[in-house]
Protein backbone atom coordinates (compact mmCIF):
# COMPACT_ATOMS: atom_id res chain seq x y z
CA MET A 1 0.10 0.23 0.02
CA LYS A 2 2.45 2.39 1.24
CA ILE A 3 4.19 1.64 -2.24
CA CYS A 4 1.09 2.48 -4.34
CA ALA A 5 0.60 6.19 -2.21
CA PHE A 6 4.36 7.04 -2.89
CA ARG A 7 4.12 6.18 -6.95
CA PHE A 8 0.73 8.27 -7.18
CA HIS A 9 2.33 11.13 -5.34
CA CYS A 10 5.12 10.71 -7.64
CA MET A 11 2.94 10.62 -10.60
CA LEU A 12 0.74 13.66 -9.30
CA ILE A 13 4.39 15.95 -9.09
CA ILE A 14 5.52 14.83 -12.64
CA ILE A 15 1.72 15.40 -13.96
CA SER A 16 1.63 18.90 -12.06
CA ILE A 17 5.38 20.19 -14.03
CA VAL A 18 4.55 18.75 -16.95
CA PHE A 19 1.32 21.27 -17.05
CA GLN A 20 3.51 24.03 -15.51
CA LEU A 21 5.72 23.62 -18.63
CA VAL A 22 2.70 23.36 -21.00
CA ALA A 23 1.40 26.74 -19.48
CA ILE A 24 5.59 28.77 -20.07
CA SER A 25 5.78 27.25 -23.39
CA CYS A 26 2.16 28.72 -24.35
CA GLY A 27 3.56 32.12 -22.96
CA LEU A 28 6.15 32.50 -25.04
CA ALA A 29 4.41 34.89 -27.69
CA SER A 30 3.26 37.17 -25.19
CA ASP A 31 7.16 37.95 -24.46
CA VAL A 32 8.20 39.10 -27.50
CA LYS A 33 6.95 42.34 -29.50
CA ILE A 34 8.29 42.49 -33.12
CA ILE A 35 9.22 46.19 -35.12
CA VAL A 36 9.59 47.50 -37.64
CA HIS A 37 10.65 50.87 -39.18
CA ALA A 38 7.53 53.64 -39.54
CA ASP A 39 7.87 53.17 -43.09
CA ILE A 40 6.49 49.78 -43.87
CA GLU A 41 3.48 48.94 -44.26
CA ASP A 42 3.25 45.44 -45.33
CA PRO A 43 1.57 42.75 -43.46
CA LEU A 44 3.67 39.84 -41.86
CA SER A 45 2.73 36.57 -41.40
CA ALA A 46 4.32 34.05 -39.17
CA ASN A 47 6.36 32.43 -42.18
CA ASP A 48 7.13 35.48 -43.78
CA ILE A 49 9.07 36.43 -40.45
CA ARG A 50 10.79 33.17 -40.62
CA ASN A 51 11.98 33.60 -44.22
CA ILE A 52 13.32 37.19 -43.64
CA PHE A 53 15.53 35.60 -40.09
CA LEU A 54 16.21 33.06 -42.58
CA GLY A 55 17.81 34.92 -44.99
CA LYS A 56 15.14 34.17 -47.52
CA LYS A 57 13.15 36.89 -48.07
CA THR A 58 15.32 40.28 -48.58
CA GLN A 59 12.79 42.40 -49.91
CA TRP A 60 9.46 44.50 -48.94
CA GLU A 61 6.55 44.21 -51.40
CA ASP A 62 7.87 47.80 -52.52
CA SER A 63 11.78 46.47 -53.23
CA GLN A 64 13.06 48.15 -50.78
CA ARG A 65 16.04 45.98 -48.53
CA ILE A 66 15.00 44.11 -45.73
CA ARG A 67 17.37 45.01 -42.72
CA PHE A 68 17.23 42.27 -39.84
CA VAL A 69 19.04 43.10 -36.44
CA LEU A 70 18.77 40.21 -33.79
CA TYR A 71 18.11 41.43 -30.11
CA THR A 72 20.28 38.11 -27.76
CA GLU A 73 19.44 38.70 -24.97
CA LYS A 74 19.57 34.63 -24.26
CA ASP A 75 15.80 34.66 -23.33
CA ILE A 76 14.55 36.39 -25.46
CA TYR A 77 16.20 35.84 -28.40
CA ARG A 78 15.56 31.97 -27.49
CA LYS A 79 11.77 32.31 -27.45
CA PHE A 80 12.23 34.17 -30.39
CA ILE A 81 13.90 31.92 -33.10
CA LYS A 82 11.89 28.77 -31.45
CA GLN A 83 8.49 30.21 -31.78
CA TYR A 84 9.00 31.89 -35.50
CA VAL A 85 12.22 30.22 -37.17
CA ARG A 86 11.26 27.19 -35.26
CA LYS A 87 15.26 26.08 -34.56
CA THR A 88 16.71 26.00 -31.73
CA LEU A 89 19.17 28.85 -30.95
CA TYR A 90 22.23 26.00 -31.45
CA GLN A 91 20.39 25.19 -35.02
CA TYR A 92 20.28 28.74 -35.65
CA ARG A 93 23.43 30.17 -35.21
CA ASN A 94 25.38 26.65 -37.16
CA TYR A 95 22.65 28.02 -40.01
CA TRP A 96 24.14 31.39 -40.11
CA ARG A 97 28.04 30.00 -39.61
CA LYS A 98 27.16 27.59 -42.66
CA LYS A 99 25.35 30.51 -45.11
CA VAL A 100 28.72 32.57 -43.91
CA PHE A 101 31.36 29.87 -44.89
CA THR A 102 29.87 29.01 -47.87
CA GLY A 103 29.90 32.68 -48.85
CA THR A 104 25.79 32.48 -49.37
CA GLY A 105 25.13 35.20 -46.75
CA MET A 106 26.37 37.70 -43.66
CA MET A 107 26.17 37.65 -39.88
CA PRO A 108 23.23 39.36 -39.15
CA VAL A 109 23.23 42.69 -36.80
CA MET A 110 23.20 41.49 -33.87
CA TYR A 111 22.45 43.78 -30.20
CA ASN A 112 22.43 42.94 -27.17
CA LYS A 113 20.64 45.82 -25.61
CA CYS A 114 16.50 46.82 -26.46
CA THR A 115 17.09 50.00 -26.79
CA GLN A 116 20.19 49.42 -29.85
CA CYS A 117 16.95 47.39 -31.68
CA ILE A 118 14.73 50.15 -31.25
CA ASP A 119 17.56 52.79 -32.36
CA PHE A 120 18.60 50.73 -35.61
CA VAL A 121 15.19 49.70 -36.95
CA LYS A 122 14.24 53.52 -35.89
CA ARG A 123 17.04 55.27 -38.22
CA THR A 124 17.07 52.60 -40.71
CA LYS A 125 14.87 52.21 -43.81
CA GLY A 126 13.53 48.77 -44.39
CA ALA A 127 14.53 47.51 -40.46
CA ILE A 128 13.00 44.75 -38.76
CA SER A 129 13.74 43.11 -35.44
CA PHE A 130 12.22 42.02 -31.95
CA VAL A 131 12.34 43.21 -28.55
CA PRO A 132 10.67 41.97 -25.37
CA GLU A 133 7.38 43.37 -24.51
CA THR A 134 8.65 45.55 -21.76
CA CYS A 135 10.55 47.58 -24.26
CA THR A 136 9.11 50.88 -25.06
CA VAL A 137 8.51 51.72 -29.01
CA SER A 138 9.59 55.16 -29.87
CA ASP A 139 8.56 57.33 -32.74
CA GLY A 140 9.85 56.14 -36.36
CA VAL A 141 9.34 52.66 -34.85
CA ARG A 142 6.37 50.88 -34.94
CA GLU A 143 5.02 47.38 -33.65
CA ILE A 144 3.50 44.83 -35.88
CA SER A 145 0.90 42.33 -35.51
CA LYS A 146 1.82 39.16 -36.57
CA ASN A 147 -1.12 37.33 -38.87
C-alpha cells in the first residue's frame, strides 16, 4: 500500500511539472514583440517573419531591402527563434555560420540591448527586429501585428 501511494504522489508531481512547462511554453508569444521601421506597411505572416530571419526574404513588397537585427538577450532570443524560426538557438547559429562560410550570406547584425535594436530600426529604412514586450517603442518605429 505504501508503494502505491508513493507512486501515486510521484505521478501527481510529474503531471504537475508537465502542466507548468506547457503553460510556460504557451506564454512565449506574449514575451516578444516585432518592430519595424515606421515606413513599413507590409502585413507579415509567421512564415514571412521566418523567411526574413533566415535571410530567404530580402525585399519588402515595394522592393526596399530588408535589414533585420537580432536582439541577443538569451531568453528573448531563444523564445523568438523557437517560435518564429522554428529552430533551436544552436541550429540557428549553425545555419548562419554555414551561410557565412559557404559565401551565401553574412552574419546578421546583433545587439544585446533593446534600445540599440530600436535605434537601429528607427534610423534604418526597411529594418525589422524583435524586442521584449517590456521595451518601449519610440517614434519612427512601430510594432506590427502577426498574422
